[in-house]
Amino acid sequence: MPPTELPVLITGETGTGKELMAQALHNAGPRAGRPFVAVNCAALPEGLLESELFGHEDGAFTGARRGGRRGLFERAHTGTLFLDEIGDMPLHLQSRLLRVLQEGEIQRLGAAAPIPVDVRVLAATHQPLHDWVQQGRFRADLYYRLEVLRLALPPLRDRAGDLDRLATALLGQSLRRQGLAWPAAEVLRRANPPWQGHSWPGNVRELSNLMDRLAVALRGAPSPDTVSWASLADLWPRPSLVPARTTPGSRSNGTAHPDERATLARQALEQHRGRHQDAARALGVSRATLWRWLNQGPRQAGP
């Protein structure tokens, strides 16, 4: 993507590296060297998110910082503001954000006068925003304002050709953090990780964490020749029990026996560490459907 000042909507599953891509777009653009400020819209309560974005004046609300506080828009002035998980922003804040994009000014909570800001906005989401616009869950005018340019990041399971290259780069960083000047490609060749068949539900983030664990496990060895590579077997992910995605006509999406669907649902929950939303997304169903499948399994007979 050539350098530009235009907004970009970055889409992709959780863990595909959307913030890293936003940082790369900032660094490659005309605002490189100026502030890059990131906020996860899903990580903050609604009231706190509003204060974080726009700032507040002294005494604007109970608990407001004495003397007021600059918001993220002001801190990103002349640079880039990255709004991660924009789909989780409440509708009334979407209206305020749209006004900032249109007018180029913000108003702190409790303030009477607006403050001009010069900010490029990059946004990211793993949600189907186009569908949410149709359902009234996301403002259409804001959606089209943010989606001037769109960048879709594919999941790691669809990037099999990049897996070794990404793993080598990530492991190199992890080894350096542990003080090991070992060639990452050689380490991976010797380790021979058995990750074929794994669907990488955590995407690049999962791979990065795995490389961190490998580097930590190697920290006490004086050289690669002294490592018992077979002892690292517990580090590697097991082949995925749950398909990475399903299609509307597949057995796991509706025609399977109820007991089979319940088994798939339990396996998905186990794989995603109890996170119902991630498990439902991996199965290609809604959270309500996931709950229904869990309740369709065999019940223990009473005494």
C-alpha atoms as a PDB file:
ATOM      1  CA  MET A   1       0.000   0.000   0.000  1.00  0.00           C
ATOM      2  CA  PRO A   2       1.599   3.347  -1.037  1.00  0.00           C
ATOM      3  CA  PRO A   3       2.087   6.085   1.612  1.00  0.00           C
ATOM      4  CA  THR A   4      -1.153   7.946   2.244  1.00  0.00           C
ATOM      5  CA  GLU A   5      -2.996  10.058   4.805  1.00  0.00           C
ATOM      6  CA  LEU A   6      -6.302   8.245   4.242  1.00  0.00           C
ATOM      7  CA  PRO A   7      -8.044   6.181   6.932  1.00  0.00           C
ATOM      8  CA  VAL A   8      -7.568   2.400   6.726  1.00  0.00           C
ATOM      9  CA  LEU A   9      -9.847  -0.300   8.154  1.00  0.00           C
ATOM     10  CA  ILE A  10      -7.778  -3.389   8.980  1.00  0.00           C
ATOM     11  CA  THR A  11      -9.783  -6.599   9.269  1.00  0.00           C
ATOM     12  CA  GLY A  12      -8.776 -10.075  10.378  1.00  0.00           C
ATOM     13  CA  GLU A  13      -9.189 -12.661  13.098  1.00  0.00           C
ATOM     14  CA  THR A  14      -7.837 -12.136  16.583  1.00  0.00           C
ATOM     15  CA  GLY A  15      -4.077 -12.534  16.672  1.00  0.00           C
ATOM     16  CA  THR A  16      -3.351 -11.882  12.989  1.00  0.00           C
ATOM     17  CA  GLY A  17      -1.196  -8.834  13.766  1.00  0.00           C
ATOM     18  CA  LYS A  18      -3.562  -5.934  13.112  1.00  0.00           C
ATOM     19  CA  GLU A  19      -1.779  -3.546  15.486  1.00  0.00           C
ATOM     20  CA  LEU A  20       1.601  -4.449  13.999  1.00  0.00           C
ATOM     21  CA  MET A  21       0.198  -3.685  10.557  1.00  0.00           C
ATOM     22  CA  ALA A  22      -1.169  -0.357  11.789  1.00  0.00           C
ATOM     23  CA  GLN A  23       2.241   0.516  13.223  1.00  0.00           C
ATOM     24  CA  ALA A  24       3.855  -0.440   9.902  1.00  0.00           C
ATOM     25  CA  LEU A  25       1.409   1.769   7.966  1.00  0.00           C
ATOM     26  CA  HIS A  26       2.210   4.664  10.279  1.00  0.00           C
ATOM     27  CA  ASN A  27       5.967   4.132   9.953  1.00  0.00           C
ATOM     28  CA  ALA A  28       5.724   3.959   6.147  1.00  0.00           C
ATOM     29  CA  GLY A  29       3.525   7.038   5.853  1.00  0.00           C
ATOM     30  CA  PRO A  30       4.108  10.784   5.918  1.00  0.00           C
ATOM     31  CA  ARG A  31       3.506  10.906   9.695  1.00  0.00           C
ATOM     32  CA  ALA A  32       6.393   8.559  10.537  1.00  0.00           C
ATOM     33  CA  GLY A  33       8.352   9.842  13.510  1.00  0.00           C
ATOM     34  CA  ARG A  34       5.274  11.510  14.977  1.00  0.00           C
ATOM     35  CA  PRO A  35       3.078  10.023  17.728  1.00  0.00           C
ATOM     36  CA  PHE A  36       1.493   6.614  17.234  1.00  0.00           C
ATOM     37  CA  VAL A  37      -1.184   6.075  19.880  1.00  0.00           C
ATOM     38  CA  ALA A  38      -3.185   2.847  20.177  1.00  0.00           C
ATOM     39  CA  VAL A  39      -6.294   2.009  22.182  1.00  0.00           C
ATOM     40  CA  ASN A  40      -8.330  -1.197  22.390  1.00  0.00           C
ATOM     41  CA  CYS A  41     -11.981  -0.158  22.329  1.00  0.00           C
ATOM     42  CA  ALA A  42     -13.043  -3.517  23.774  1.00  0.00           C
ATOM     43  CA  ALA A  43     -10.719  -3.337  26.770  1.00  0.00           C
ATOM     44  CA  LEU A  44     -12.183  -0.247  28.465  1.00  0.00           C
ATOM     45  CA  PRO A  45     -15.613   0.335  30.034  1.00  0.00           C
ATOM     46  CA  GLU A  46     -17.845   2.698  28.054  1.00  0.00           C
ATOM     47  CA  GLY A  47     -17.470   5.691  30.393  1.00  0.00           C
ATOM     48  CA  LEU A  48     -13.710   5.302  30.686  1.00  0.00           C
ATOM     49  CA  LEU A  49     -13.285   4.902  26.915  1.00  0.00           C
ATOM     50  CA  GLU A  50     -14.968   8.260  26.300  1.00  0.00           C
ATOM     51  CA  SER A  51     -12.652   9.988  28.766  1.00  0.00           C
ATOM     52  CA  GLU A  52      -9.607   8.214  27.327  1.00  0.00           C
ATOM     53  CA  LEU A  53     -10.420   9.267  23.773  1.00  0.00           C
ATOM     54  CA  PHE A  54     -11.486  12.861  24.311  1.00  0.00           C
ATOM     55  CA  GLY A  55     -10.000  13.815  27.684  1.00  0.00           C
ATOM     56  CA  HIS A  56     -11.740  15.713  30.468  1.00  0.00           C
ATOM     57  CA  GLU A  57     -11.660  18.962  32.389  1.00  0.00           C
ATOM     58  CA  ASP A  58     -11.091  19.314  36.108  1.00  0.00           C
ATOM     59  CA  GLY A  59     -14.240  18.194  37.960  1.00  0.00           C
ATOM     60  CA  ALA A  60     -15.971  16.877  34.822  1.00  0.00           C
ATOM     61  CA  PHE A  61     -17.121  13.773  36.721  1.00  0.00           C
ATOM     62  CA  THR A  62     -16.567  11.998  40.005  1.00  0.00           C
ATOM     63  CA  GLY A  63     -13.000  10.768  40.130  1.00  0.00           C
ATOM     64  CA  ALA A  64     -11.802  13.058  37.315  1.00  0.00           C
ATOM     65  CA  ARG A  65      -8.110  13.842  37.501  1.00  0.00           C
ATOM     66  CA  ARG A  66      -7.343  17.133  39.182  1.00  0.00           C
ATOM     67  CA  GLY A  67      -6.419  19.699  36.556  1.00  0.00           C
ATOM     68  CA  GLY A  68      -8.016  17.659  33.786  1.00  0.00           C
ATOM     69  CA  ARG A  69      -6.403  15.303  31.332  1.00  0.00           C
ATOM     70  CA  ARG A  70      -5.567  15.209  27.651  1.00  0.00           C
ATOM     71  CA  GLY A  71      -7.288  12.480  25.670  1.00  0.00           C
ATOM     72  CA  LEU A  72      -5.753  10.124  23.154  1.00  0.00           C
ATOM     73  CA  PHE A  73      -6.747  12.347  20.233  1.00  0.00           C
ATOM     74  CA  GLU A  74      -4.736  15.197  21.702  1.00  0.00           C
ATOM     75  CA  ARG A  75      -1.787  12.932  22.436  1.00  0.00           C
ATOM     76  CA  ALA A  76      -1.858  11.667  18.839  1.00  0.00           C
ATOM     77  CA  HIS A  77      -1.944  15.217  17.412  1.00  0.00           C
ATOM     78  CA  THR A  78       0.038  15.407  14.119  1.00  0.00           C
ATOM     79  CA  GLY A  79       0.386  11.599  14.232  1.00  0.00           C
ATOM     80  CA  THR A  80      -1.788   8.484  14.089  1.00  0.00           C
ATOM     81  CA  LEU A  81      -4.490   7.134  16.399  1.00  0.00           C
ATOM     82  CA  PHE A  82      -5.103   3.389  16.104  1.00  0.00           C
ATOM     83  CA  LEU A  83      -8.564   2.264  17.248  1.00  0.00           C
ATOM     84  CA  ASP A  84      -8.380  -1.492  17.763  1.00  0.00           C
ATOM     85  CA  GLU A  85     -11.632  -3.501  17.970  1.00  0.00           C
ATOM     86  CA  ILE A  86     -13.618  -0.528  16.686  1.00  0.00           C
ATOM     87  CA  GLY A  87     -16.684  -2.775  16.427  1.00  0.00           C
ATOM     88  CA  ASP A  88     -16.961  -2.757  20.222  1.00  0.00           C
ATOM     89  CA  MET A  89     -17.295   1.028  20.422  1.00  0.00           C
ATOM     90  CA  PRO A  90     -20.755   2.051  21.752  1.00  0.00           C
ATOM     91  CA  LEU A  91     -23.070   3.783  19.283  1.00  0.00           C
ATOM     92  CA  HIS A  92     -23.046   7.162  21.022  1.00  0.00           C
ATOM     93  CA  LEU A  93     -19.242   7.213  20.964  1.00  0.00           C
ATOM     94  CA  GLN A  94     -19.356   6.289  17.299  1.00  0.00           C
ATOM     95  CA  SER A  95     -21.308   9.524  16.773  1.00  0.00           C
ATOM     96  CA  ARG A  96     -18.641  11.553  18.589  1.00  0.00           C
ATOM     97  CA  LEU A  97     -15.880   9.838  16.637  1.00  0.00           C
ATOM     98  CA  LEU A  98     -17.631  10.608  13.361  1.00  0.00           C
ATOM     99  CA  ARG A  99     -17.829  14.282  14.294  1.00  0.00           C
ATOM    100  CA  VAL A 100     -14.102  14.365  15.063  1.00  0.00           C
ATOM    101  CA  LEU A 101     -13.317  12.846  11.673  1.00  0.00           C
ATOM    102  CA  GLN A 102     -15.587  15.351   9.929  1.00  0.00           C
ATOM    103  CA  GLU A 103     -14.711  18.513  11.857  1.00  0.00           C
ATOM    104  CA  GLY A 104     -11.103  17.879  12.880  1.00  0.00           C
ATOM    105  CA  GLU A 105     -11.727  18.912  16.482  1.00  0.00           C
ATOM    106  CA  ILE A 106     -12.542  17.271  19.796  1.00  0.00           C
ATOM    107  CA  GLN A 107     -14.256  18.480  22.943  1.00  0.00           C
ATOM    108  CA  ARG A 108     -13.108  17.300  26.343  1.00  0.00           C
ATOM    109  CA  LEU A 109     -15.712  16.083  28.814  1.00  0.00           C
ATOM    110  CA  GLY A 110     -16.901  19.086  30.796  1.00  0.00           C
ATOM    111  CA  ALA A 111     -15.347  21.604  28.393  1.00  0.00           C
ATOM    112  CA  ALA A 112     -17.146  24.380  26.538  1.00  0.00           C
ATOM    113  CA  ALA A 113     -14.682  25.002  23.709  1.00  0.00           C
ATOM    114  CA  PRO A 114     -13.492  22.534  21.057  1.00  0.00           C
ATOM    115  CA  ILE A 115      -9.812  21.747  20.487  1.00  0.00           C
ATOM    116  CA  PRO A 116      -8.458  21.359  16.918  1.00  0.00           C
ATOM    117  CA  VAL A 117      -6.641  18.070  16.260  1.00  0.00           C
ATOM    118  CA  ASP A 118      -4.733  16.795  13.247  1.00  0.00           C
ATOM    119  CA  VAL A 119      -4.866  13.004  13.484  1.00  0.00           C
ATOM    120  CA  ARG A 120      -4.862  10.167  10.999  1.00  0.00           C
ATOM    121  CA  VAL A 121      -7.172   7.395  12.180  1.00  0.00           C
ATOM    122  CA  LEU A 122      -6.504   3.712  11.563  1.00  0.00           C
ATOM    123  CA  ALA A 123      -9.070   1.211  12.805  1.00  0.00           C
ATOM    124  CA  ALA A 124      -9.189  -2.565  13.141  1.00  0.00           C
ATOM    125  CA  THR A 125     -11.788  -5.208  13.877  1.00  0.00           C
ATOM    126  CA  HIS A 126     -12.392  -8.936  13.761  1.00  0.00           C
ATOM    127  CA  GLN A 127     -16.153  -8.319  13.624  1.00  0.00           C
ATOM    128  CA  PRO A 128     -18.247  -8.387  10.415  1.00  0.00           C
ATOM    129  CA  LEU A 129     -18.870  -4.630  10.416  1.00  0.00           C
ATOM    130  CA  HIS A 130     -20.667  -4.656   7.069  1.00  0.00           C
ATOM    131  CA  ASP A 131     -23.253  -7.056   8.521  1.00  0.00           C
ATOM    132  CA  TRP A 132     -23.435  -5.025  11.709  1.00  0.00           C
ATOM    133  CA  VAL A 133     -24.282  -1.919   9.686  1.00  0.00           C
ATOM    134  CA  GLN A 134     -27.245  -3.785   8.193  1.00  0.00           C
ATOM    135  CA  GLN A 135     -28.330  -4.818  11.703  1.00  0.00           C
ATOM    136  CA  GLY A 136     -28.035  -1.287  13.112  1.00  0.00           C
ATOM    137  CA  ARG A 137     -25.181  -2.276  15.445  1.00  0.00           C
ATOM    138  CA  PHE A 138     -22.647   0.018  13.756  1.00  0.00           C
ATOM    139  CA  ARG A 139     -23.163   3.415  12.188  1.00  0.00           C
ATOM    140  CA  ALA A 140     -23.124   3.257   8.375  1.00  0.00           C
ATOM    141  CA  ASP A 141     -21.711   6.782   8.018  1.00  0.00           C
ATOM    142  CA  LEU A 142     -18.808   5.985  10.339  1.00  0.00           C
ATOM    143  CA  TYR A 143     -18.194   2.663   8.593  1.00  0.00           C
ATOM    144  CA  TYR A 144     -17.821   4.317   5.197  1.00  0.00           C
ATOM    145  CA  ARG A 145     -15.700   7.092   6.701  1.00  0.00           C
ATOM    146  CA  LEU A 146     -13.265   4.533   8.165  1.00  0.00           C
ATOM    147  CA  GLU A 147     -13.260   2.149   5.209  1.00  0.00           C
ATOM    148  CA  VAL A 148     -11.720   4.514   2.688  1.00  0.00           C
ATOM    149  CA  LEU A 149      -9.036   1.853   2.334  1.00  0.00           C
ATOM    150  CA  ARG A 150      -9.485  -1.730   3.523  1.00  0.00           C
ATOM    151  CA  LEU A 151      -6.733  -4.174   4.418  1.00  0.00           C
ATOM    152  CA  ALA A 152      -7.732  -7.781   5.167  1.00  0.00           C
ATOM    153  CA  LEU A 153      -5.171  -9.890   7.043  1.00  0.00           C
ATOM    154  CA  PRO A 154      -5.528 -13.631   6.349  1.00  0.00           C
ATOM    155  CA  PRO A 155      -5.443 -16.111   9.237  1.00  0.00           C
ATOM    156  CA  LEU A 156      -2.243 -18.066   9.761  1.00  0.00           C
ATOM    157  CA  ARG A 157      -3.906 -21.323   8.686  1.00  0.00           C
ATOM    158  CA  ASP A 158      -4.266 -19.797   5.199  1.00  0.00           C
ATOM    159  CA  ARG A 159      -0.595 -18.763   5.109  1.00  0.00           C
ATOM    160  CA  ALA A 160       1.111 -22.145   5.220  1.00  0.00           C
ATOM    161  CA  GLY A 161       3.891 -20.868   2.977  1.00  0.00           C
ATOM    162  CA  ASP A 162       4.689 -18.112   5.487  1.00  0.00           C
ATOM    163  CA  LEU A 163       4.733 -20.318   8.578  1.00  0.00           C
ATOM    164  CA  ASP A 164       8.442 -21.204   8.580  1.00  0.00           C
ATOM    165  CA  ARG A 165       9.478 -17.644   7.704  1.00  0.00           C
ATOM    166  CA  LEU A 166       7.321 -16.142  10.449  1.00  0.00           C
ATOM    167  CA  ALA A 167       8.437 -18.737  12.990  1.00  0.00           C
ATOM    168  CA  THR A 168      12.105 -18.073  12.167  1.00  0.00           C
ATOM    169  CA  ALA A 169      11.719 -14.304  12.540  1.00  0.00           C
ATOM    170  CA  LEU A 170       9.734 -14.571  15.778  1.00  0.00           C
ATOM    171  CA  LEU A 171      12.094 -17.145  17.266  1.00  0.00           C
ATOM    172  CA  GLY A 172      15.073 -14.951  16.410  1.00  0.00           C
ATOM    173  CA  GLN A 173      13.528 -12.128  18.435  1.00  0.00           C
ATOM    174  CA  SER A 174      12.715 -14.484  21.321  1.00  0.00           C
ATOM    175  CA  LEU A 175      16.241 -15.940  21.398  1.00  0.00           C
ATOM    176  CA  ARG A 176      17.792 -12.467  21.503  1.00  0.00           C
ATOM    177  CA  ARG A 177      15.551 -11.517  24.429  1.00  0.00           C
ATOM    178  CA  GLN A 178      16.887 -14.564  26.270  1.00  0.00           C
ATOM    179  CA  GLY A 179      20.494 -13.646  25.455  1.00  0.00           C
ATOM    180  CA  LEU A 180      20.987 -16.553  23.024  1.00  0.00           C
ATOM    181  CA  ALA A 181      22.929 -15.799  19.842  1.00  0.00           C
ATOM    182  CA  TRP A 182      21.758 -18.977  18.141  1.00  0.00           C
ATOM    183  CA  PRO A 183      20.587 -19.055  14.491  1.00  0.00           C
ATOM    184  CA  ALA A 184      16.811 -19.377  14.634  1.00  0.00           C
ATOM    185  CA  ALA A 185      16.553 -21.366  11.403  1.00  0.00           C
ATOM    186  CA  GLU A 186      18.978 -23.966  12.739  1.00  0.00           C
ATOM    187  CA  VAL A 187      17.088 -24.200  16.042  1.00  0.00           C
ATOM    188  CA  LEU A 188      13.812 -24.826  14.224  1.00  0.00           C
ATOM    189  CA  ARG A 189      15.439 -27.397  11.951  1.00  0.00           C
ATOM    190  CA  ARG A 190      16.672 -29.363  14.955  1.00  0.00           C
ATOM    191  CA  ALA A 191      13.467 -28.936  16.935  1.00  0.00           C
ATOM    192  CA  ASN A 192      11.370 -30.065  13.942  1.00  0.00           C
ATOM    193  CA  PRO A 193       8.084 -28.834  15.458  1.00  0.00           C
ATOM    194  CA  PRO A 194       5.177 -31.160  14.576  1.00  0.00           C
ATOM    195  CA  TRP A 195       2.652 -28.429  13.877  1.00  0.00           C
ATOM    196  CA  GLN A 196       1.312 -29.815  10.596  1.00  0.00           C
ATOM    197  CA  GLY A 197      -2.474 -30.088  10.858  1.00  0.00           C
ATOM    198  CA  HIS A 198      -2.719 -27.401  13.541  1.00  0.00           C
ATOM    199  CA  SER A 199      -5.284 -24.726  12.637  1.00  0.00           C
ATOM    200  CA  TRP A 200      -3.623 -21.926  14.663  1.00  0.00           C
ATOM    201  CA  PRO A 201      -6.761 -20.522  16.303  1.00  0.00           C
ATOM    202  CA  GLY A 202      -4.611 -17.833  17.939  1.00  0.00           C
ATOM    203  CA  ASN A 203      -2.936 -16.982  14.619  1.00  0.00           C
ATOM    204  CA  VAL A 204       0.402 -15.127  14.677  1.00  0.00           C
ATOM    205  CA  ARG A 205      -0.014 -14.295  18.364  1.00  0.00           C
ATOM    206  CA  GLU A 206      -0.191 -18.011  19.164  1.00  0.00           C
ATOM    207  CA  LEU A 207       2.932 -18.674  17.063  1.00  0.00           C
ATOM    208  CA  SER A 208       4.761 -15.810  18.781  1.00  0.00           C
ATOM    209  CA  ASN A 209       3.896 -17.167  22.225  1.00  0.00           C
ATOM    210  CA  LEU A 210       5.081 -20.610  21.152  1.00  0.00           C
ATOM    211  CA  MET A 211       8.436 -19.215  20.008  1.00  0.00           C
ATOM    212  CA  ASP A 212       8.767 -17.385  23.336  1.00  0.00           C
ATOM    213  CA  ARG A 213       8.198 -20.654  25.220  1.00  0.00           C
ATOM    214  CA  LEU A 214      10.764 -22.434  23.062  1.00  0.00           C
ATOM    215  CA  ALA A 215      13.375 -19.739  23.690  1.00  0.00           C
ATOM    216  CA  VAL A 216      12.780 -19.887  27.445  1.00  0.00           C
ATOM    217  CA  ALA A 217      13.111 -23.688  27.399  1.00  0.00           C
ATOM    218  CA  LEU A 218      16.502 -23.361  25.653  1.00  0.00           C
ATOM    219  CA  ARG A 219      17.840 -20.666  27.967  1.00  0.00           C
ATOM    220  CA  GLY A 220      19.889 -22.949  30.214  1.00  0.00           C
ATOM    221  CA  ALA A 221      21.611 -24.869  27.407  1.00  0.00           C
ATOM    222  CA  PRO A 222      25.172 -23.817  26.505  1.00  0.00           C
ATOM    223  CA  SER A 223      24.720 -24.690  22.814  1.00  0.00           C
ATOM    224  CA  PRO A 224      22.194 -26.316  20.435  1.00  0.00           C
ATOM    225  CA  ASP A 225      24.317 -29.498  20.524  1.00  0.00           C
ATOM    226  CA  THR A 226      23.538 -29.996  24.220  1.00  0.00           C
ATOM    227  CA  VAL A 227      19.760 -29.713  23.890  1.00  0.00           C
ATOM    228  CA  SER A 228      17.591 -32.807  24.290  1.00  0.00           C
ATOM    229  CA  TRP A 229      15.164 -31.906  21.527  1.00  0.00           C
ATOM    230  CA  ALA A 230      12.893 -34.858  22.264  1.00  0.00           C
ATOM    231  CA  SER A 231      12.266 -33.413  25.746  1.00  0.00           C
ATOM    232  CA  LEU A 232      10.538 -30.398  24.174  1.00  0.00           C
ATOM    233  CA  ALA A 233       7.606 -32.445  22.882  1.00  0.00           C
ATOM    234  CA  ASP A 234       5.171 -30.904  25.383  1.00  0.00           C
ATOM    235  CA  LEU A 235       5.812 -27.440  23.954  1.00  0.00           C
ATOM    236  CA  TRP A 236       4.166 -28.129  20.624  1.00  0.00           C
ATOM    237  CA  PRO A 237       0.442 -27.734  19.914  1.00  0.00           C
ATOM    238  CA  ARG A 238      -1.596 -30.840  19.340  1.00  0.00           C
ATOM    239  CA  PRO A 239      -3.279 -31.263  15.944  1.00  0.00           C
ATOM    240  CA  SER A 240      -6.496 -29.265  16.043  1.00  0.00           C
ATOM    241  CA  LEU A 241      -9.557 -31.235  17.102  1.00  0.00           C
ATOM    242  CA  VAL A 242     -11.925 -28.572  15.803  1.00  0.00           C
ATOM    243  CA  PRO A 243     -12.033 -27.549  12.159  1.00  0.00           C
ATOM    244  CA  ALA A 244     -10.750 -24.027  11.589  1.00  0.00           C
ATOM    245  CA  ARG A 245     -13.949 -23.012   9.853  1.00  0.00           C
ATOM    246  CA  THR A 246     -17.100 -24.668   8.660  1.00  0.00           C
ATOM    247  CA  THR A 247     -19.396 -24.104   5.733  1.00  0.00           C
ATOM    248  CA  PRO A 248     -23.178 -23.830   5.889  1.00  0.00           C
ATOM    249  CA  GLY A 249     -23.650 -27.347   4.537  1.00  0.00           C
ATOM    250  CA  SER A 250     -21.038 -29.103   6.622  1.00  0.00           C
ATOM    251  CA  ARG A 251     -21.879 -31.697   9.242  1.00  0.00           C
ATOM    252  CA  SER A 252     -20.567 -29.546  12.088  1.00  0.00           C
ATOM    253  CA  ASN A 253     -22.836 -26.679  11.093  1.00  0.00           C
ATOM    254  CA  GLY A 254     -26.169 -28.299  11.409  1.00  0.00           C
ATOM    255  CA  THR A 255     -26.691 -31.803  10.068  1.00  0.00           C
ATOM    256  CA  ALA A 256     -24.604 -33.647  12.640  1.00  0.00           C
ATOM    257  CA  HIS A 257     -26.220 -35.690  15.384  1.00  0.00           C
ATOM    258  CA  PRO A 258     -26.862 -33.626  18.550  1.00  0.00           C
ATOM    259  CA  ASP A 259     -24.305 -35.674  20.507  1.00  0.00           C
ATOM    260  CA  GLU A 260     -21.726 -35.014  17.795  1.00  0.00           C
ATOM    261  CA  ARG A 261     -22.439 -31.282  17.854  1.00  0.00           C
ATOM    262  CA  ALA A 262     -22.098 -31.243  21.637  1.00  0.00           C
ATOM    263  CA  THR A 263     -18.721 -32.953  21.335  1.00  0.00           C
ATOM    264  CA  LEU A 264     -17.541 -30.402  18.784  1.00  0.00           C
ATOM    265  CA  ALA A 265     -18.716 -27.562  21.027  1.00  0.00           C
ATOM    266  CA  ARG A 266     -16.877 -28.963  24.066  1.00  0.00           C
ATOM    267  CA  GLN A 267     -13.705 -29.505  22.039  1.00  0.00           C
ATOM    268  CA  ALA A 268     -13.861 -25.951  20.722  1.00  0.00           C
ATOM    269  CA  LEU A 269     -14.283 -24.566  24.246  1.00  0.00           C
ATOM    270  CA  GLU A 270     -11.338 -26.610  25.485  1.00  0.00           C
ATOM    271  CA  GLN A 271      -9.163 -25.486  22.583  1.00  0.00           C
ATOM    272  CA  HIS A 272     -10.086 -21.839  23.158  1.00  0.00           C
ATOM    273  CA  ARG A 273      -9.673 -22.055  26.947  1.00  0.00           C
ATOM    274  CA  GLY A 274     -13.345 -21.507  27.748  1.00  0.00           C
ATOM    275  CA  ARG A 275     -13.791 -18.404  25.569  1.00  0.00           C
ATOM    276  CA  HIS A 276     -17.277 -18.922  24.138  1.00  0.00           C
ATOM    277  CA  GLN A 277     -17.022 -16.205  21.507  1.00  0.00           C
ATOM    278  CA  ASP A 278     -13.760 -17.570  20.069  1.00  0.00           C
ATOM    279  CA  ALA A 279     -15.076 -21.144  20.160  1.00  0.00           C
ATOM    280  CA  ALA A 280     -18.258 -20.145  18.323  1.00  0.00           C
ATOM    281  CA  ARG A 281     -16.254 -18.243  15.705  1.00  0.00           C
ATOM    282  CA  ALA A 282     -13.999 -21.259  15.090  1.00  0.00           C
ATOM    283  CA  LEU A 283     -17.078 -23.417  14.490  1.00  0.00           C
ATOM    284  CA  GLY A 284     -18.722 -20.798  12.276  1.00  0.00           C
ATOM    285  CA  VAL A 285     -21.794 -20.454  14.493  1.00  0.00           C
ATOM    286  CA  SER A 286     -23.238 -17.857  16.848  1.00  0.00           C
ATOM    287  CA  ARG A 287     -22.737 -17.939  20.610  1.00  0.00           C
ATOM    288  CA  ALA A 288     -26.408 -18.821  21.016  1.00  0.00           C
ATOM    289  CA  THR A 289     -25.942 -21.827  18.735  1.00  0.00           C
ATOM    290  CA  LEU A 290     -22.852 -22.869  20.672  1.00  0.00           C
ATOM    291  CA  TRP A 291     -24.823 -22.806  23.930  1.00  0.00           C
ATOM    292  CA  ARG A 292     -27.601 -24.835  22.286  1.00  0.00           C
ATOM    293  CA  TRP A 293     -25.135 -27.446  21.066  1.00  0.00           C
ATOM    294  CA  LEU A 294     -23.606 -27.735  24.540  1.00  0.00           C
ATOM    295  CA  ASN A 295     -27.061 -28.387  25.989  1.00  0.00           C
ATOM    296  CA  GLN A 296     -27.860 -31.012  23.354  1.00  0.00           C
ATOM    297  CA  GLY A 297     -25.296 -33.513  24.591  1.00  0.00           C
ATOM    298  CA  PRO A 298     -26.120 -36.704  26.446  1.00  0.00           C
ATOM    299  CA  ARG A 299     -27.396 -36.133  29.951  1.00  0.00           C
ATOM    300  CA  GLN A 300     -26.532 -38.338  32.885  1.00  0.00           C
ATOM    301  CA  ALA A 301     -29.390 -40.463  34.053  1.00  0.00           C
ATOM    302  CA  GLY A 302     -30.689 -39.713  37.492  1.00  0.00           C
ATOM    303  CA  PRO A 303     -30.325 -42.147  40.395  1.00  0.00           C
END
